[in-house]
Amino acid sequence: MKHWYDFPDLLDRTKLKELVDSGLSVRELSLREGCSRQCVETALKRHVLKAKGQKGVTPWFIRRREG
């Protein structure tokens, strides 16, 4: 079983921030790196970063009802 720190792009905060800033979601990052979404989410949490589609973002169908 591989951990988030086994992937160089997830271990390097600067590189991970560049990928997040380019608009990649957690799912897209995990597919790009060849790891699980949990690995990406853990790396983001450890580096105090947020990606598109990560927990904490209100889904569109809930936002629609609020308005």
PDB file of N, CA and C in Angstrom:
ATOM      1  N   MET A   1       0.841  -1.184   0.000  1.00  0.00           N
ATOM      2  CA  MET A   1       0.000   0.000   0.000  1.00  0.00           C
ATOM      3  C   MET A   1       0.884   1.244   0.000  1.00  0.00           C
ATOM      4  N   LYS A   2       0.615   2.135  -0.933  1.00  0.00           N
ATOM      5  CA  LYS A   2       1.404   3.355  -1.017  1.00  0.00           C
ATOM      6  C   LYS A   2       0.742   4.472  -0.215  1.00  0.00           C
ATOM      7  N   HIS A   3       1.571   5.334   0.324  1.00  0.00           N
ATOM      8  CA  HIS A   3       1.106   6.477   1.097  1.00  0.00           C
ATOM      9  C   HIS A   3       1.315   7.753   0.300  1.00  0.00           C
ATOM     10  N   TRP A   4       0.712   8.843   0.761  1.00  0.00           N
ATOM     11  CA  TRP A   4       0.798  10.099   0.024  1.00  0.00           C
ATOM     12  C   TRP A   4       2.240  10.567  -0.125  1.00  0.00           C
ATOM     13  N   TYR A   5       3.096  10.261   0.848  1.00  0.00           N
ATOM     14  CA  TYR A   5       4.484  10.720   0.786  1.00  0.00           C
ATOM     15  C   TYR A   5       5.346   9.859  -0.133  1.00  0.00           C
ATOM     16  N   ASP A   6       4.763   8.823  -0.725  1.00  0.00           N
ATOM     17  CA  ASP A   6       5.471   8.011  -1.714  1.00  0.00           C
ATOM     18  C   ASP A   6       5.411   8.626  -3.114  1.00  0.00           C
ATOM     19  N   PHE A   7       4.626   9.686  -3.275  1.00  0.00           N
ATOM     20  CA  PHE A   7       4.460  10.342  -4.570  1.00  0.00           C
ATOM     21  C   PHE A   7       5.150  11.708  -4.528  1.00  0.00           C
ATOM     22  N   PRO A   8       6.206  11.899  -5.334  1.00  0.00           N
ATOM     23  CA  PRO A   8       7.001  13.134  -5.268  1.00  0.00           C
ATOM     24  C   PRO A   8       6.196  14.418  -5.462  1.00  0.00           C
ATOM     25  N   ASP A   9       5.206  14.408  -6.373  1.00  0.00           N
ATOM     26  CA  ASP A   9       4.423  15.621  -6.606  1.00  0.00           C
ATOM     27  C   ASP A   9       3.509  15.951  -5.426  1.00  0.00           C
ATOM     28  N   LEU A  10       3.118  14.948  -4.654  1.00  0.00           N
ATOM     29  CA  LEU A  10       2.293  15.198  -3.469  1.00  0.00           C
ATOM     30  C   LEU A  10       3.141  15.609  -2.279  1.00  0.00           C
ATOM     31  N   LEU A  11       4.362  15.161  -2.248  1.00  0.00           N
ATOM     32  CA  LEU A  11       5.266  15.479  -1.143  1.00  0.00           C
ATOM     33  C   LEU A  11       5.785  16.914  -1.239  1.00  0.00           C
ATOM     34  N   ASP A  12       5.976  17.404  -2.459  1.00  0.00           N
ATOM     35  CA  ASP A  12       6.495  18.751  -2.685  1.00  0.00           C
ATOM     36  C   ASP A  12       5.341  19.757  -2.668  1.00  0.00           C
ATOM     37  N   ARG A  13       5.287  20.589  -1.635  1.00  0.00           N
ATOM     38  CA  ARG A  13       4.179  21.539  -1.477  1.00  0.00           C
ATOM     39  C   ARG A  13       4.098  22.510  -2.649  1.00  0.00           C
ATOM     40  N   THR A  14       5.232  23.003  -3.121  1.00  0.00           N
ATOM     41  CA  THR A  14       5.252  23.964  -4.222  1.00  0.00           C
ATOM     42  C   THR A  14       4.639  23.360  -5.485  1.00  0.00           C
ATOM     43  N   LYS A  15       5.035  22.147  -5.820  1.00  0.00           N
ATOM     44  CA  LYS A  15       4.507  21.474  -7.013  1.00  0.00           C
ATOM     45  C   LYS A  15       3.016  21.195  -6.856  1.00  0.00           C
ATOM     46  N   LEU A  16       2.609  20.747  -5.668  1.00  0.00           N
ATOM     47  CA  LEU A  16       1.198  20.458  -5.418  1.00  0.00           C
ATOM     48  C   LEU A  16       0.366  21.736  -5.520  1.00  0.00           C
ATOM     49  N   LYS A  17       0.878  22.831  -5.000  1.00  0.00           N
ATOM     50  CA  LYS A  17       0.164  24.117  -5.081  1.00  0.00           C
ATOM     51  C   LYS A  17       0.000  24.554  -6.528  1.00  0.00           C
ATOM     52  N   GLU A  18       1.027  24.356  -7.353  1.00  0.00           N
ATOM     53  CA  GLU A  18       0.930  24.693  -8.776  1.00  0.00           C
ATOM     54  C   GLU A  18      -0.172  23.883  -9.452  1.00  0.00           C
ATOM     55  N   LEU A  19      -0.247  22.601  -9.133  1.00  0.00           N
ATOM     56  CA  LEU A  19      -1.266  21.738  -9.724  1.00  0.00           C
ATOM     57  C   LEU A  19      -2.664  22.152  -9.279  1.00  0.00           C
ATOM     58  N   VAL A  20      -2.811  22.490  -8.003  1.00  0.00           N
ATOM     59  CA  VAL A  20      -4.107  22.929  -7.477  1.00  0.00           C
ATOM     60  C   VAL A  20      -4.490  24.270  -8.100  1.00  0.00           C
ATOM     61  N   ASP A  21      -3.543  25.179  -8.206  1.00  0.00           N
ATOM     62  CA  ASP A  21      -3.813  26.494  -8.790  1.00  0.00           C
ATOM     63  C   ASP A  21      -4.169  26.411 -10.271  1.00  0.00           C
ATOM     64  N   SER A  22      -3.720  25.346 -10.929  1.00  0.00           N
ATOM     65  CA  SER A  22      -4.063  25.180 -12.346  1.00  0.00           C
ATOM     66  C   SER A  22      -5.504  24.691 -12.515  1.00  0.00           C
ATOM     67  N   GLY A  23      -6.174  24.384 -11.406  1.00  0.00           N
ATOM     68  CA  GLY A  23      -7.587  24.041 -11.450  1.00  0.00           C
ATOM     69  C   GLY A  23      -7.900  22.560 -11.410  1.00  0.00           C
ATOM     70  N   LEU A  24      -6.921  21.721 -11.104  1.00  0.00           N
ATOM     71  CA  LEU A  24      -7.169  20.285 -11.039  1.00  0.00           C
ATOM     72  C   LEU A  24      -7.963  19.932  -9.782  1.00  0.00           C
ATOM     73  N   SER A  25      -8.895  19.017  -9.923  1.00  0.00           N
ATOM     74  CA  SER A  25      -9.681  18.553  -8.778  1.00  0.00           C
ATOM     75  C   SER A  25      -8.928  17.410  -8.085  1.00  0.00           C
ATOM     76  N   VAL A  26      -9.452  16.984  -6.951  1.00  0.00           N
ATOM     77  CA  VAL A  26      -8.851  15.877  -6.213  1.00  0.00           C
ATOM     78  C   VAL A  26      -8.836  14.625  -7.089  1.00  0.00           C
ATOM     79  N   ARG A  27      -9.932  14.385  -7.776  1.00  0.00           N
ATOM     80  CA  ARG A  27     -10.025  13.204  -8.645  1.00  0.00           C
ATOM     81  C   ARG A  27      -9.010  13.287  -9.784  1.00  0.00           C
ATOM     82  N   GLU A  28      -8.906  14.443 -10.411  1.00  0.00           N
ATOM     83  CA  GLU A  28      -7.955  14.615 -11.513  1.00  0.00           C
ATOM     84  C   GLU A  28      -6.516  14.465 -11.032  1.00  0.00           C
ATOM     85  N   LEU A  29      -6.228  14.989  -9.849  1.00  0.00           N
ATOM     86  CA  LEU A  29      -4.886  14.834  -9.277  1.00  0.00           C
ATOM     87  C   LEU A  29      -4.571  13.370  -9.004  1.00  0.00           C
ATOM     88  N   SER A  30      -5.555  12.636  -8.475  1.00  0.00           N
ATOM     89  CA  SER A  30      -5.306  11.232  -8.157  1.00  0.00           C
ATOM     90  C   SER A  30      -5.090  10.406  -9.430  1.00  0.00           C
ATOM     91  N   LEU A  31      -5.835  10.702 -10.481  1.00  0.00           N
ATOM     92  CA  LEU A  31      -5.641  10.001 -11.751  1.00  0.00           C
ATOM     93  C   LEU A  31      -4.285  10.341 -12.363  1.00  0.00           C
ATOM     94  N   ARG A  32      -3.893  11.602 -12.250  1.00  0.00           N
ATOM     95  CA  ARG A  32      -2.609  12.048 -12.799  1.00  0.00           C
ATOM     96  C   ARG A  32      -1.432  11.391 -12.080  1.00  0.00           C
ATOM     97  N   GLU A  33      -1.543  11.277 -10.764  1.00  0.00           N
ATOM     98  CA  GLU A  33      -0.457  10.714  -9.955  1.00  0.00           C
ATOM     99  C   GLU A  33      -0.499   9.188  -9.868  1.00  0.00           C
ATOM    100  N   GLY A  34      -1.652   8.601 -10.179  1.00  0.00           N
ATOM    101  CA  GLY A  34      -1.782   7.151 -10.086  1.00  0.00           C
ATOM    102  C   GLY A  34      -1.948   6.667  -8.657  1.00  0.00           C
ATOM    103  N   CYS A  35      -2.621   7.484  -7.841  1.00  0.00           N
ATOM    104  CA  CYS A  35      -2.842   7.123  -6.440  1.00  0.00           C
ATOM    105  C   CYS A  35      -4.329   7.274  -6.118  1.00  0.00           C
ATOM    106  N   SER A  36      -4.686   6.995  -4.888  1.00  0.00           N
ATOM    107  CA  SER A  36      -6.081   7.119  -4.481  1.00  0.00           C
ATOM    108  C   SER A  36      -6.426   8.579  -4.178  1.00  0.00           C
ATOM    109  N   ARG A  37      -7.729   8.861  -4.163  1.00  0.00           N
ATOM    110  CA  ARG A  37      -8.171  10.213  -3.801  1.00  0.00           C
ATOM    111  C   ARG A  37      -7.806  10.520  -2.351  1.00  0.00           C
ATOM    112  N   GLN A  38      -7.825   9.493  -1.507  1.00  0.00           N
ATOM    113  CA  GLN A  38      -7.478   9.688  -0.098  1.00  0.00           C
ATOM    114  C   GLN A  38      -6.032  10.155   0.045  1.00  0.00           C
ATOM    115  N   CYS A  39      -5.128   9.632  -0.779  1.00  0.00           N
ATOM    116  CA  CYS A  39      -3.726  10.085  -0.751  1.00  0.00           C
ATOM    117  C   CYS A  39      -3.647  11.576  -1.069  1.00  0.00           C
ATOM    118  N   VAL A  40      -4.378  11.991  -2.090  1.00  0.00           N
ATOM    119  CA  VAL A  40      -4.371  13.408  -2.491  1.00  0.00           C
ATOM    120  C   VAL A  40      -4.976  14.268  -1.391  1.00  0.00           C
ATOM    121  N   GLU A  41      -6.105  13.831  -0.832  1.00  0.00           N
ATOM    122  CA  GLU A  41      -6.753  14.608   0.226  1.00  0.00           C
ATOM    123  C   GLU A  41      -5.859  14.731   1.455  1.00  0.00           C
ATOM    124  N   THR A  42      -5.143  13.666   1.798  1.00  0.00           N
ATOM    125  CA  THR A  42      -4.229  13.716   2.936  1.00  0.00           C
ATOM    126  C   THR A  42      -3.085  14.680   2.664  1.00  0.00           C
ATOM    127  N   ALA A  43      -2.520  14.633   1.468  1.00  0.00           N
ATOM    128  CA  ALA A  43      -1.424  15.542   1.115  1.00  0.00           C
ATOM    129  C   ALA A  43      -1.896  16.996   1.167  1.00  0.00           C
ATOM    130  N   LEU A  44      -3.083  17.257   0.642  1.00  0.00           N
ATOM    131  CA  LEU A  44      -3.630  18.620   0.680  1.00  0.00           C
ATOM    132  C   LEU A  44      -3.830  19.084   2.118  1.00  0.00           C
ATOM    133  N   LYS A  45      -4.332  18.187   2.945  1.00  0.00           N
ATOM    134  CA  LYS A  45      -4.553  18.519   4.358  1.00  0.00           C
ATOM    135  C   LYS A  45      -3.224  18.805   5.059  1.00  0.00           C
ATOM    136  N   ARG A  46      -2.216  17.988   4.811  1.00  0.00           N
ATOM    137  CA  ARG A  46      -0.903  18.172   5.450  1.00  0.00           C
ATOM    138  C   ARG A  46      -0.240  19.470   5.013  1.00  0.00           C
ATOM    139  N   HIS A  47      -0.476  19.866   3.743  1.00  0.00           N
ATOM    140  CA  HIS A  47       0.128  21.092   3.217  1.00  0.00           C
ATOM    141  C   HIS A  47      -0.795  22.298   3.367  1.00  0.00           C
ATOM    142  N   VAL A  48      -1.940  22.115   4.012  1.00  0.00           N
ATOM    143  CA  VAL A  48      -2.948  23.155   4.238  1.00  0.00           C
ATOM    144  C   VAL A  48      -3.344  23.812   2.910  1.00  0.00           C
ATOM    145  N   LEU A  49      -3.801  22.984   1.980  1.00  0.00           N
ATOM    146  CA  LEU A  49      -4.274  23.456   0.680  1.00  0.00           C
ATOM    147  C   LEU A  49      -5.688  22.928   0.451  1.00  0.00           C
ATOM    148  N   LYS A  50      -6.428  23.580  -0.437  1.00  0.00           N
ATOM    149  CA  LYS A  50      -7.766  23.130  -0.826  1.00  0.00           C
ATOM    150  C   LYS A  50      -7.801  23.017  -2.335  1.00  0.00           C
ATOM    151  N   ALA A  51      -8.409  21.960  -2.833  1.00  0.00           N
ATOM    152  CA  ALA A  51      -8.544  21.754  -4.271  1.00  0.00           C
ATOM    153  C   ALA A  51     -10.014  21.844  -4.668  1.00  0.00           C
ATOM    154  N   LYS A  52     -10.229  22.050  -5.948  1.00  0.00           N
ATOM    155  CA  LYS A  52     -11.575  22.083  -6.497  1.00  0.00           C
ATOM    156  C   LYS A  52     -12.234  20.723  -6.251  1.00  0.00           C
ATOM    157  N   GLY A  53     -13.451  20.738  -5.738  1.00  0.00           N
ATOM    158  CA  GLY A  53     -14.174  19.497  -5.507  1.00  0.00           C
ATOM    159  C   GLY A  53     -13.862  18.821  -4.191  1.00  0.00           C
ATOM    160  N   GLN A  54     -13.061  19.463  -3.356  1.00  0.00           N
ATOM    161  CA  GLN A  54     -12.727  18.863  -2.071  1.00  0.00           C
ATOM    162  C   GLN A  54     -13.853  19.122  -1.074  1.00  0.00           C
ATOM    163  N   LYS A  55     -13.913  18.315  -0.026  1.00  0.00           N
ATOM    164  CA  LYS A  55     -14.946  18.471   0.986  1.00  0.00           C
ATOM    165  C   LYS A  55     -14.990  19.910   1.476  1.00  0.00           C
ATOM    166  N   GLY A  56     -16.187  20.366   1.786  1.00  0.00           N
ATOM    167  CA  GLY A  56     -16.356  21.729   2.254  1.00  0.00           C
ATOM    168  C   GLY A  56     -16.967  22.624   1.188  1.00  0.00           C
ATOM    169  N   VAL A  57     -17.023  22.144  -0.043  1.00  0.00           N
ATOM    170  CA  VAL A  57     -17.638  22.898  -1.123  1.00  0.00           C
ATOM    171  C   VAL A  57     -19.079  22.426  -1.245  1.00  0.00           C
ATOM    172  N   THR A  58     -20.031  23.361  -1.259  1.00  0.00           N
ATOM    173  CA  THR A  58     -21.437  23.008  -1.329  1.00  0.00           C
ATOM    174  C   THR A  58     -21.784  22.534  -2.739  1.00  0.00           C
ATOM    175  N   PRO A  59     -22.378  21.354  -2.871  1.00  0.00           N
ATOM    176  CA  PRO A  59     -22.763  20.860  -4.190  1.00  0.00           C
ATOM    177  C   PRO A  59     -23.764  21.778  -4.880  1.00  0.00           C
ATOM    178  N   TRP A  60     -23.778  21.767  -6.196  1.00  0.00           N
ATOM    179  CA  TRP A  60     -24.635  22.669  -6.961  1.00  0.00           C
ATOM    180  C   TRP A  60     -26.117  22.462  -6.660  1.00  0.00           C
ATOM    181  N   PHE A  61     -26.552  21.217  -6.405  1.00  0.00           N
ATOM    182  CA  PHE A  61     -27.981  20.973  -6.189  1.00  0.00           C
ATOM    183  C   PHE A  61     -28.455  21.500  -4.837  1.00  0.00           C
ATOM    184  N   ILE A  62     -27.545  21.646  -3.876  1.00  0.00           N
ATOM    185  CA  ILE A  62     -27.924  22.239  -2.590  1.00  0.00           C
ATOM    186  C   ILE A  62     -27.913  23.755  -2.702  1.00  0.00           C
ATOM    187  N   ARG A  63     -26.934  24.302  -3.402  1.00  0.00           N
ATOM    188  CA  ARG A  63     -26.877  25.762  -3.607  1.00  0.00           C
ATOM    189  C   ARG A  63     -28.111  26.245  -4.332  1.00  0.00           C
ATOM    190  N   ARG A  64     -28.597  25.452  -5.299  1.00  0.00           N
ATOM    191  CA  ARG A  64     -29.753  25.856  -6.084  1.00  0.00           C
ATOM    192  C   ARG A  64     -30.989  26.011  -5.202  1.00  0.00           C
ATOM    193  N   ARG A  65     -31.159  25.136  -4.225  1.00  0.00           N
ATOM    194  CA  ARG A  65     -32.323  25.188  -3.342  1.00  0.00           C
ATOM    195  C   ARG A  65     -32.261  26.358  -2.376  1.00  0.00           C
ATOM    196  N   GLU A  66     -31.050  26.745  -1.974  1.00  0.00           N
ATOM    197  CA  GLU A  66     -30.888  27.823  -0.992  1.00  0.00           C
ATOM    198  C   GLU A  66     -31.310  29.160  -1.577  1.00  0.00           C
ATOM    199  N   GLY A  67     -31.054  29.358  -2.858  1.00  0.00           N
ATOM    200  CA  GLY A  67     -31.287  30.654  -3.511  1.00  0.00           C
ATOM    201  C   GLY A  67     -32.703  30.924  -3.713  1.00  0.00           C
TER     202      GLY A  67
END
